[in-house]
């Protein structure tokens, strides 16, 4: 049983990872304010999101960067997350809750399938 309850009052916020130092205080303040409104807040902070299926149409910048993500993912499990893994994790957490409140790429990628 998770320590954070679920149900209609759960809220999943997906805002991405703050790479720029100027973004961090704004993100932190936003998440603190959301937590005041709803104690069952789950924050998802994916850094690099890549398509789950190769060959999907995407903007040029993303198309050029995606092969780099595939290579770097061989070296680490925290660099990027596929769209399907992000969706699966967010849906499962919204339905069943979780012990943790904040999910980065590593937590999203390693979330157990149920």
Foldseek 3Di string as FASTA:
>chain_A
DAPADADPLAEEAEDAADPDPVVVVVVVVVVVVVCVVGVNAAYEHEHAEDAPDPPDDDDPVNVVCVVVVVVVCVVDQQNGAYPVLQVQQRVCCNVGNHNDRYHYRNNSSPPDHD
